């Protein structure tokens, strides 16, 4: 992952069923090239390979399961994520929580496989606990703000600053991004000012009437943050 970054979590919204996931990924790729900023996408597992083969930007799996390949009906081991060509995996999203021992194992196994790990946490203290496991990045997302349109960077800025502080104490090499309610470019700007290295966004982009306009709006603050002083 290259920071600052905009990560687009497509979730399982109807807008990305069929060709939608590839179309949105291509929009993200075009904006990434146009602005010279880092954008990654996370399509549903069913669309993962198709998106990986369609774009050159980083593609992450939305989740995986704490199992090895074998008799595990209905589960997706990290080895299968790796085989698609994905760059990494999102772990412990509030909509797909993991037990601590499973999360610990999966971070370790992802590292062995060469998969980057974007690990979600609901609050500063949980983010610090995750940082102790040394993932690639931590995404702090208060679950009560997810999908509300009330940006964490404006509604609960203390959550961000406290998370950045605690994570840097544990491991200053871990980048913190944030999500939950991010809707506008000003929300992204606020998040960056508070010390994060990017944002994790879902409905604001996926459900937007014009994908290109919305991705441009949310990515432009990253361009400014990436510019030399």
Foldseek 3Di string as FASTA:
>chain_A
DDWPEEEEEADPDPCCPDPNQQVLLVLLQVLCVVLVFAYEYEYEPVCQLVNLVRHDHAYEHAEFFLDDPDPDPPGHHVVNVVVSVHQAYEAQDVVHHDDPVSVLSNQVVCVVSNHAYEYEDAFQVRLLVVLLSPGQAYEHENVVQAPVLDACLPPPVVRLLSNLVSSCVNPVNHAYEYEGNDAFLVSQLSSVVSPHGYYYHYCNQSVDPDNNVRSNGNCVSRSVVPDDD
